[in-house]
Amino acid sequence: MTRILGSAREILAPKDIDTFIRATLDADDYTGKRVCVLVPDATRSCPLPPLLDSVHAALHGRVTELTFMVALGTHPAMTEPQLAALFGYPPGNSEQRYPGVTIRNHEWWQPEMLVSVGTILGAELAELSDGRLSDPVEVRLNRAVVECDVTLVVGPVFPHEVVGFSGGNKYLFPGVAGQEVINVSHWLGALITSAEIIGARGITPVRELINRAAARVPSELRCFSLVVESGTTDLHAITYGGTHDAWAAAADITAEVDVRYLDAPVRRVLSLVSDRYDELWTAAKGMYKVEPVVADSGQVVLYAPQVTEISRTHGAAITEVGYHCRDYFVRQWDRFKDLPWGVLAHSTHLRGSGSYDDATGEHCRIEVTLATQINAETTRALGLSYLDPRSIDINEWERDPHTLVVPNAGEILYKLRR
Protein backbone atom coordinates (compact mmCIF):
# COMPACT_ATOMS: atom_id res chain seq x y z
CA MET A 1 0.00 0.00 0.00
CA THR A 2 1.28 3.47 -0.90
CA ARG A 3 1.72 5.85 2.01
CA ILE A 4 1.31 9.60 1.39
CA LEU A 5 2.26 12.55 3.56
CA GLY A 6 1.25 16.04 2.41
CA SER A 7 -0.57 17.58 -0.55
CA ALA A 8 -0.24 20.23 -3.23
CA ARG A 9 -1.60 22.84 -0.85
CA GLU A 10 0.89 22.55 2.01
CA ILE A 11 4.58 22.59 2.88
CA LEU A 12 5.71 19.82 5.18
CA ALA A 13 7.57 20.47 8.41
CA PRO A 14 11.03 18.81 8.56
CA LYS A 15 10.15 16.96 11.77
CA ASP A 16 7.05 15.46 10.13
CA ILE A 17 9.12 14.29 7.15
CA ASP A 18 11.67 12.69 9.47
CA THR A 19 8.94 10.93 11.47
CA PHE A 20 7.27 9.69 8.28
CA ILE A 21 10.49 8.25 6.82
CA ARG A 22 11.61 6.57 10.03
CA ALA A 23 8.22 5.10 10.85
CA THR A 24 7.71 3.89 7.28
CA LEU A 25 11.08 2.17 7.09
CA ASP A 26 10.73 0.75 10.61
CA ALA A 27 7.47 -0.88 9.56
CA ASP A 28 8.90 -2.46 6.39
CA ASP A 29 11.12 -5.50 5.96
CA TYR A 30 14.74 -4.33 5.80
CA THR A 31 16.41 -6.22 8.65
CA GLY A 32 19.43 -8.21 7.53
CA LYS A 33 19.19 -7.04 3.92
CA ARG A 34 21.63 -5.37 1.55
CA VAL A 35 20.15 -2.02 0.53
CA CYS A 36 21.13 0.28 -2.33
CA VAL A 37 19.63 3.78 -2.12
CA LEU A 38 19.41 5.65 -5.44
CA VAL A 39 19.47 9.45 -5.29
CA PRO A 40 19.55 12.34 -7.81
CA ASP A 41 22.61 14.38 -8.67
CA ALA A 42 22.82 18.15 -8.19
CA THR A 43 20.63 18.91 -11.24
CA ARG A 44 17.42 18.34 -9.23
CA SER A 45 15.93 20.47 -6.47
CA CYS A 46 15.88 18.17 -3.47
CA PRO A 47 16.51 18.41 0.31
CA LEU A 48 18.74 15.37 0.08
CA PRO A 49 20.94 15.42 3.24
CA PRO A 50 18.12 15.59 5.82
CA LEU A 51 16.17 12.93 3.94
CA LEU A 52 19.17 10.62 3.96
CA ASP A 53 19.78 11.37 7.63
CA SER A 54 16.33 9.90 8.28
CA VAL A 55 16.93 6.91 6.00
CA HIS A 56 20.28 6.28 7.65
CA ALA A 57 18.81 6.53 11.15
CA ALA A 58 16.14 3.97 10.26
CA LEU A 59 18.39 1.47 8.46
CA HIS A 60 21.88 1.71 9.95
CA GLY A 61 22.44 -1.28 12.23
CA ARG A 62 19.45 -3.16 10.78
CA VAL A 63 20.77 -3.82 7.30
CA THR A 64 23.91 -5.77 6.44
CA GLU A 65 25.02 -3.36 3.72
CA LEU A 66 23.98 0.21 2.89
CA THR A 67 25.01 2.04 -0.28
CA PHE A 68 24.02 5.52 -1.44
CA MET A 69 24.41 5.73 -5.23
CA VAL A 70 24.02 8.82 -7.40
CA ALA A 71 21.78 7.94 -10.35
CA LEU A 72 23.78 9.86 -12.94
CA GLY A 73 22.28 8.45 -16.11
CA THR A 74 25.02 9.69 -18.44
CA HIS A 75 25.74 12.91 -16.55
CA PRO A 76 29.40 13.52 -15.64
CA ALA A 77 30.84 11.76 -12.60
CA MET A 78 30.63 13.80 -9.42
CA THR A 79 33.98 14.54 -7.79
CA GLU A 80 34.54 13.99 -4.08
CA PRO A 81 33.97 17.70 -3.26
CA GLN A 82 30.78 17.61 -5.34
CA LEU A 83 29.60 14.45 -3.60
CA ALA A 84 30.35 16.02 -0.23
CA ALA A 85 28.28 19.09 -1.13
CA LEU A 86 25.42 16.95 -2.45
CA PHE A 87 25.27 14.69 0.60
CA GLY A 88 26.24 17.33 3.15
CA TYR A 89 29.35 15.82 4.70
CA PRO A 90 32.89 17.22 5.12
CA PRO A 91 34.94 16.44 1.98
CA GLY A 92 36.74 13.14 2.37
CA ASN A 93 34.83 12.15 5.52
CA SER A 94 31.42 10.73 4.66
CA GLU A 95 31.63 8.52 7.76
CA GLN A 96 31.14 11.57 9.95
CA ARG A 97 27.54 11.97 8.75
CA TYR A 98 26.77 8.53 7.37
CA PRO A 99 28.73 5.88 9.29
CA GLY A 100 28.68 2.48 7.63
CA VAL A 101 27.51 3.82 4.25
CA THR A 102 29.30 3.45 0.91
CA ILE A 103 28.74 6.51 -1.31
CA ARG A 104 29.22 5.99 -5.05
CA ASN A 105 28.59 7.38 -8.48
CA HIS A 106 26.79 5.21 -11.00
CA GLU A 107 29.89 4.41 -13.05
CA TRP A 108 28.15 4.10 -16.40
CA TRP A 109 31.49 4.50 -18.21
CA GLN A 110 32.86 1.26 -16.66
CA PRO A 111 31.55 -1.78 -18.60
CA GLU A 112 32.42 -4.12 -15.74
CA MET A 113 30.02 -2.24 -13.46
CA LEU A 114 27.04 -3.13 -15.69
CA VAL A 115 25.26 -6.49 -15.86
CA SER A 116 22.45 -7.77 -18.06
CA VAL A 117 19.12 -8.79 -16.55
CA GLY A 118 17.42 -9.77 -19.78
CA THR A 119 16.09 -8.42 -23.07
CA ILE A 120 12.96 -6.59 -24.16
CA LEU A 121 12.05 -8.43 -27.33
CA GLY A 122 11.43 -6.61 -30.58
CA ALA A 123 7.77 -7.58 -30.69
CA GLU A 124 7.28 -6.27 -27.14
CA LEU A 125 8.94 -2.96 -27.99
CA ALA A 126 6.87 -2.65 -31.17
CA GLU A 127 3.70 -3.21 -29.16
CA LEU A 128 4.42 -0.65 -26.45
CA SER A 129 5.83 1.93 -28.91
CA ASP A 130 2.86 1.64 -31.28
CA GLY A 131 5.18 0.39 -34.00
CA ARG A 132 7.68 3.23 -33.79
CA LEU A 133 10.56 0.90 -32.79
CA SER A 134 10.92 -2.86 -33.16
CA ASP A 135 14.47 -4.00 -32.40
CA PRO A 136 15.22 -5.98 -29.21
CA VAL A 137 16.82 -4.05 -26.33
CA GLU A 138 19.22 -5.56 -23.81
CA VAL A 139 18.51 -4.43 -20.26
CA ARG A 140 21.74 -3.63 -18.41
CA LEU A 141 22.19 -1.77 -15.17
CA ASN A 142 24.60 -1.24 -12.32
CA ARG A 143 25.56 -4.50 -10.65
CA ALA A 144 25.10 -2.92 -7.19
CA VAL A 145 21.35 -2.84 -7.88
CA VAL A 146 21.31 -6.39 -9.23
CA GLU A 147 23.30 -7.78 -6.31
CA CYS A 148 21.47 -6.03 -3.44
CA ASP A 149 18.26 -7.27 -1.82
CA VAL A 150 16.37 -3.95 -1.84
CA THR A 151 16.75 -0.94 -4.11
CA LEU A 152 15.29 2.17 -2.48
CA VAL A 153 14.76 5.26 -4.66
CA VAL A 154 14.80 8.64 -2.91
CA GLY A 155 14.13 11.41 -5.40
CA PRO A 156 11.79 14.11 -6.73
CA VAL A 157 9.16 13.98 -9.45
CA PHE A 158 9.02 16.79 -12.02
CA PRO A 159 7.45 17.19 -15.49
CA HIS A 160 9.86 15.55 -17.93
CA GLU A 161 10.45 15.88 -21.65
CA VAL A 162 11.14 12.19 -22.33
CA VAL A 163 8.80 10.27 -20.07
CA GLY A 164 6.01 12.66 -18.99
CA PHE A 165 6.91 12.93 -15.31
CA SER A 166 10.31 11.97 -13.92
CA GLY A 167 11.00 9.83 -10.86
CA GLY A 168 10.21 6.29 -9.78
CA ASN A 169 11.65 3.67 -12.10
CA LYS A 170 13.39 6.42 -14.04
CA TYR A 171 16.03 6.33 -11.29
CA LEU A 172 16.83 2.86 -12.62
CA PHE A 173 16.47 3.62 -16.33
CA PRO A 174 18.31 5.81 -17.23
CA GLY A 175 19.55 6.53 -13.68
CA VAL A 176 21.79 3.48 -13.20
CA ALA A 177 21.42 1.86 -16.62
CA GLY A 178 23.57 0.96 -19.57
CA GLN A 179 23.31 2.79 -22.88
CA GLU A 180 20.84 0.42 -24.54
CA VAL A 181 17.65 1.32 -22.67
CA ILE A 182 18.84 4.92 -22.28
CA ASN A 183 19.18 5.41 -26.03
CA VAL A 184 15.99 3.60 -26.99
CA SER A 185 13.82 5.28 -24.34
CA HIS A 186 15.08 8.76 -25.18
CA TRP A 187 14.65 8.25 -28.91
CA LEU A 188 11.15 6.89 -28.40
CA GLY A 189 10.36 10.07 -26.47
CA ALA A 190 11.83 12.14 -29.30
CA LEU A 191 9.72 10.34 -31.88
CA ILE A 192 6.60 11.17 -29.87
CA THR A 193 8.11 14.69 -29.37
CA SER A 194 8.84 16.56 -26.18
CA ALA A 195 5.92 18.96 -26.71
CA GLU A 196 3.52 16.00 -26.82
CA ILE A 197 4.91 13.94 -23.94
CA ILE A 198 6.10 16.48 -21.37
CA GLY A 199 3.73 16.64 -18.42
CA ALA A 200 1.52 13.87 -19.85
CA ARG A 201 -0.34 12.14 -17.04
CA GLY A 202 -0.36 8.38 -16.55
CA ILE A 203 1.72 5.74 -18.31
CA THR A 204 3.29 7.12 -21.46
CA PRO A 205 4.93 4.70 -23.92
CA VAL A 206 8.36 5.66 -22.56
CA ARG A 207 7.22 5.09 -18.96
CA GLU A 208 5.87 1.70 -20.02
CA LEU A 209 9.24 0.81 -21.57
CA ILE A 210 11.01 1.82 -18.36
CA ASN A 211 8.54 -0.13 -16.23
CA ARG A 212 9.07 -3.27 -18.30
CA ALA A 213 12.83 -2.91 -17.96
CA ALA A 214 12.41 -2.44 -14.20
CA ALA A 215 10.32 -5.62 -14.00
CA ARG A 216 13.46 -7.53 -14.94
CA VAL A 217 15.45 -6.21 -11.96
CA PRO A 218 15.90 -9.00 -9.38
CA SER A 219 16.09 -6.81 -6.26
CA GLU A 220 12.96 -5.55 -4.49
CA LEU A 221 12.09 -2.04 -5.68
CA ARG A 222 10.83 0.56 -3.19
CA CYS A 223 10.60 4.31 -3.39
CA PHE A 224 10.25 7.60 -1.56
CA SER A 225 8.92 9.98 -4.23
CA LEU A 226 9.15 13.68 -3.44
CA VAL A 227 7.06 16.63 -4.56
CA VAL A 228 9.45 19.57 -4.22
CA GLU A 229 8.75 23.28 -4.33
CA SER A 230 10.98 24.05 -7.32
CA GLY A 231 14.22 25.85 -6.53
CA THR A 232 13.88 25.19 -2.79
CA THR A 233 14.37 22.41 -0.27
CA ASP A 234 10.68 22.49 0.73
CA LEU A 235 8.47 19.45 0.21
CA HIS A 236 4.78 19.55 -0.58
CA ALA A 237 4.49 15.79 -0.25
CA ILE A 238 6.38 12.54 0.13
CA THR A 239 5.06 9.13 -0.88
CA TYR A 240 6.32 5.61 -0.15
CA GLY A 241 5.67 2.26 -1.79
CA GLY A 242 6.76 0.38 -4.87
CA THR A 243 8.63 2.35 -7.50
CA HIS A 244 5.54 2.53 -9.68
CA ASP A 245 2.80 3.21 -7.14
CA ALA A 246 4.75 5.75 -5.07
CA TRP A 247 5.75 7.55 -8.27
CA ALA A 248 2.16 7.63 -9.58
CA ALA A 249 0.87 9.15 -6.34
CA ALA A 250 3.58 11.82 -6.36
CA ALA A 251 3.11 12.56 -10.07
CA ASP A 252 -0.55 13.40 -9.49
CA ILE A 253 0.47 15.97 -6.87
CA THR A 254 3.35 17.29 -8.99
CA ALA A 255 0.89 17.95 -11.82
CA GLU A 256 -0.84 20.43 -9.49
CA VAL A 257 2.37 22.00 -8.12
CA ASP A 258 4.80 22.23 -11.03
CA VAL A 259 2.63 23.11 -14.04
CA ARG A 260 1.65 26.72 -14.86
CA TYR A 261 -1.13 27.46 -17.34
CA LEU A 262 -1.42 30.40 -19.73
CA ASP A 263 -4.56 31.47 -21.58
CA ALA A 264 -2.76 32.37 -24.82
CA PRO A 265 0.61 31.73 -26.50
CA VAL A 266 3.46 34.19 -26.01
CA ARG A 267 5.69 35.59 -28.71
CA ARG A 268 8.93 35.41 -26.75
CA VAL A 269 10.27 33.65 -23.65
CA LEU A 270 13.35 34.58 -21.67
CA SER A 271 14.26 31.52 -19.62
CA LEU A 272 16.51 32.52 -16.71
CA VAL A 273 18.08 29.08 -16.47
CA SER A 274 18.76 27.81 -12.97
CA ASP A 275 22.38 27.80 -11.82
CA ARG A 276 22.04 24.08 -11.09
CA TYR A 277 22.48 23.50 -14.84
CA ASP A 278 26.10 24.18 -15.79
CA GLU A 279 26.18 22.76 -19.33
CA LEU A 280 23.81 23.00 -22.27
CA TRP A 281 22.88 19.30 -21.95
CA THR A 282 20.90 20.16 -18.81
CA ALA A 283 20.32 23.91 -19.32
CA ALA A 284 18.21 22.91 -22.33
CA LYS A 285 15.43 22.24 -19.83
CA GLY A 286 14.79 25.97 -20.03
CA MET A 287 13.50 25.27 -23.56
CA TYR A 288 11.68 21.99 -22.91
CA LYS A 289 9.55 23.44 -20.13
CA VAL A 290 8.28 26.47 -22.08
CA GLU A 291 7.97 25.21 -25.66
CA PRO A 292 4.23 24.41 -25.30
CA VAL A 293 3.33 28.10 -24.71
CA VAL A 294 5.40 29.69 -27.48
CA ALA A 295 3.54 30.98 -30.53
CA ASP A 296 4.46 29.85 -34.04
CA SER A 297 7.52 31.80 -35.27
CA GLY A 298 8.19 32.80 -31.66
CA GLN A 299 11.48 32.72 -29.79
CA VAL A 300 12.95 31.11 -26.68
CA VAL A 301 16.10 32.67 -25.24
CA LEU A 302 18.09 30.55 -22.80
CA TYR A 303 19.81 33.04 -20.52
CA ALA A 304 22.49 30.94 -18.83
CA PRO A 305 25.73 32.88 -18.44
CA GLN A 306 27.04 30.09 -16.20
CA VAL A 307 27.10 27.66 -19.15
CA THR A 308 30.49 27.42 -20.85
CA GLU A 309 30.20 24.14 -22.75
CA ILE A 310 27.72 21.95 -24.57
CA SER A 311 28.24 18.73 -22.63
CA ARG A 312 31.21 17.20 -20.87
CA THR A 313 29.95 13.75 -21.80
CA HIS A 314 28.35 14.22 -25.21
CA GLY A 315 29.88 17.45 -26.50
CA ALA A 316 31.75 15.96 -29.46
CA ALA A 317 28.72 14.05 -30.73
CA ILE A 318 26.41 17.05 -30.37
CA THR A 319 28.90 19.26 -32.19
CA GLU A 320 28.89 16.75 -35.03
CA VAL A 321 25.10 16.52 -35.20
CA GLY A 322 23.93 20.03 -34.26
CA TYR A 323 20.39 20.84 -33.19
CA HIS A 324 17.49 19.82 -35.42
CA CYS A 325 13.82 18.91 -35.31
CA ARG A 326 12.71 15.28 -35.24
CA ASP A 327 11.84 15.05 -38.92
CA TYR A 328 15.33 16.18 -39.93
CA PHE A 329 16.64 12.87 -38.52
CA VAL A 330 13.68 10.64 -39.35
CA ARG A 331 13.67 11.59 -43.04
CA GLN A 332 17.44 11.03 -43.30
CA TRP A 333 17.59 8.03 -40.97
CA ASP A 334 20.28 6.11 -42.88
CA ARG A 335 22.59 9.07 -42.32
CA PHE A 336 22.04 9.25 -38.55
CA LYS A 337 20.92 5.81 -37.33
CA ASP A 338 24.39 4.76 -36.13
CA LEU A 339 24.93 7.84 -33.95
CA PRO A 340 23.94 7.74 -30.26
CA TRP A 341 20.16 7.93 -30.15
CA GLY A 342 20.23 9.73 -26.81
CA VAL A 343 22.18 12.56 -28.46
CA LEU A 344 19.72 12.70 -31.36
CA ALA A 345 16.88 12.90 -28.85
CA HIS A 346 18.53 15.76 -26.95
CA SER A 347 19.03 17.56 -30.25
CA THR A 348 15.34 17.39 -31.13
CA HIS A 349 14.20 18.33 -27.63
CA LEU A 350 16.19 21.55 -27.61
CA ARG A 351 15.38 22.50 -31.20
CA GLY A 352 11.68 21.83 -30.83
CA SER A 353 9.08 20.83 -33.37
CA GLY A 354 9.41 21.39 -37.09
CA SER A 355 9.48 19.74 -40.49
CA TYR A 356 12.01 18.64 -43.09
CA ASP A 357 11.98 17.57 -46.72
CA ASP A 358 14.73 17.23 -49.28
CA ALA A 359 13.41 19.99 -51.51
CA THR A 360 12.96 22.82 -49.01
CA GLY A 361 15.11 21.70 -46.08
CA GLU A 362 14.36 22.16 -42.39
CA HIS A 363 11.69 24.48 -40.99
CA CYS A 364 11.51 24.75 -37.20
CA ARG A 365 8.47 26.17 -35.46
CA ILE A 366 10.33 28.57 -33.16
CA GLU A 367 13.71 30.23 -32.91
CA VAL A 368 15.99 29.00 -30.13
CA THR A 369 18.63 31.45 -28.94
CA LEU A 370 21.52 30.86 -26.56
CA ALA A 371 22.72 33.61 -24.24
CA THR A 372 25.58 31.66 -22.67
CA GLN A 373 29.37 31.67 -22.60
CA ILE A 374 29.40 29.42 -25.67
CA ASN A 375 30.65 31.76 -28.38
CA ALA A 376 28.61 33.04 -31.31
CA GLU A 377 30.42 30.99 -33.95
CA THR A 378 29.93 27.71 -32.10
CA THR A 379 26.32 28.52 -31.26
CA ARG A 380 25.40 29.28 -34.86
CA ALA A 381 27.25 26.20 -36.13
CA LEU A 382 24.95 24.15 -33.88
CA GLY A 383 21.92 25.56 -35.70
CA LEU A 384 20.92 28.00 -32.94
CA SER A 385 20.96 31.78 -32.76
CA TYR A 386 23.14 33.81 -30.41
CA LEU A 387 22.80 36.68 -27.96
CA ASP A 388 25.56 38.05 -25.79
CA PRO A 389 24.26 37.53 -22.23
CA ARG A 390 25.78 40.90 -21.26
CA SER A 391 23.37 42.61 -23.66
CA ILE A 392 20.26 41.37 -21.86
CA ASP A 393 18.55 43.74 -19.45
CA ILE A 394 16.15 41.43 -17.61
CA ASN A 395 14.06 44.31 -16.28
CA GLU A 396 13.56 45.64 -19.79
CA TRP A 397 12.45 42.22 -21.05
CA GLU A 398 10.00 41.94 -18.14
CA ARG A 399 8.35 45.22 -19.24
CA ASP A 400 7.64 43.83 -22.71
CA PRO A 401 3.99 42.63 -22.76
CA HIS A 402 4.82 40.05 -25.43
CA THR A 403 7.61 38.41 -23.41
CA LEU A 404 7.33 35.81 -20.66
CA VAL A 405 10.32 35.92 -18.30
CA VAL A 406 10.70 32.63 -16.42
CA PRO A 407 12.87 32.71 -13.28
CA ASN A 408 14.74 29.60 -12.11
CA ALA A 409 13.80 27.95 -15.40
CA GLY A 410 14.09 24.21 -15.88
CA GLU A 411 11.65 22.49 -13.53
CA ILE A 412 8.29 24.28 -13.84
CA LEU A 413 6.33 23.33 -16.98
CA TYR A 414 4.32 25.98 -18.83
CA LYS A 415 1.27 24.84 -20.81
CA LEU A 416 -1.68 26.44 -22.53
CA ARG A 417 -5.03 26.15 -20.85
CA ARG A 418 -7.31 24.08 -23.06
Foldseek 3Di string as FASTA:
>chain_A
DKDKDFFLVDWDDLVVLLVVLLVVLLPDDAAAWAEEEEEEALLFQAPAQSNVLSVLVNPVPRYPAYEYEYQQLLADFQDQVRVCVRNVHPRPCPCVRRNRYHYYYLPQVDVVQKDWLAKDAQVNLCVLLVNPGRHIFTWMFGVSQQPTQEYEYEYEWFFDQQWQIDFQLVCTVSRGTHQRLVLVSLLSSQVCGSLNRTNDADGHSSNVSSVVSVVSRNHFAKYWYFQDQPPHNITRMIMIDGSPVRNNVNSVRNSVNFEAADAAAFQEEEEAAAPSDQAQLQLLLLCSQEVQRHAFAGEYERQDANHAAHGPRCRVVLLVVAAAAPQLCVVVVVVPVPRRSNSNSSRNSSQDHWHADPPPGTDGRYAYEYQYNHDQVSQVSSVHGYDPSVPDDPVVQVPDPRYHYHYNGRGHHYHYDD
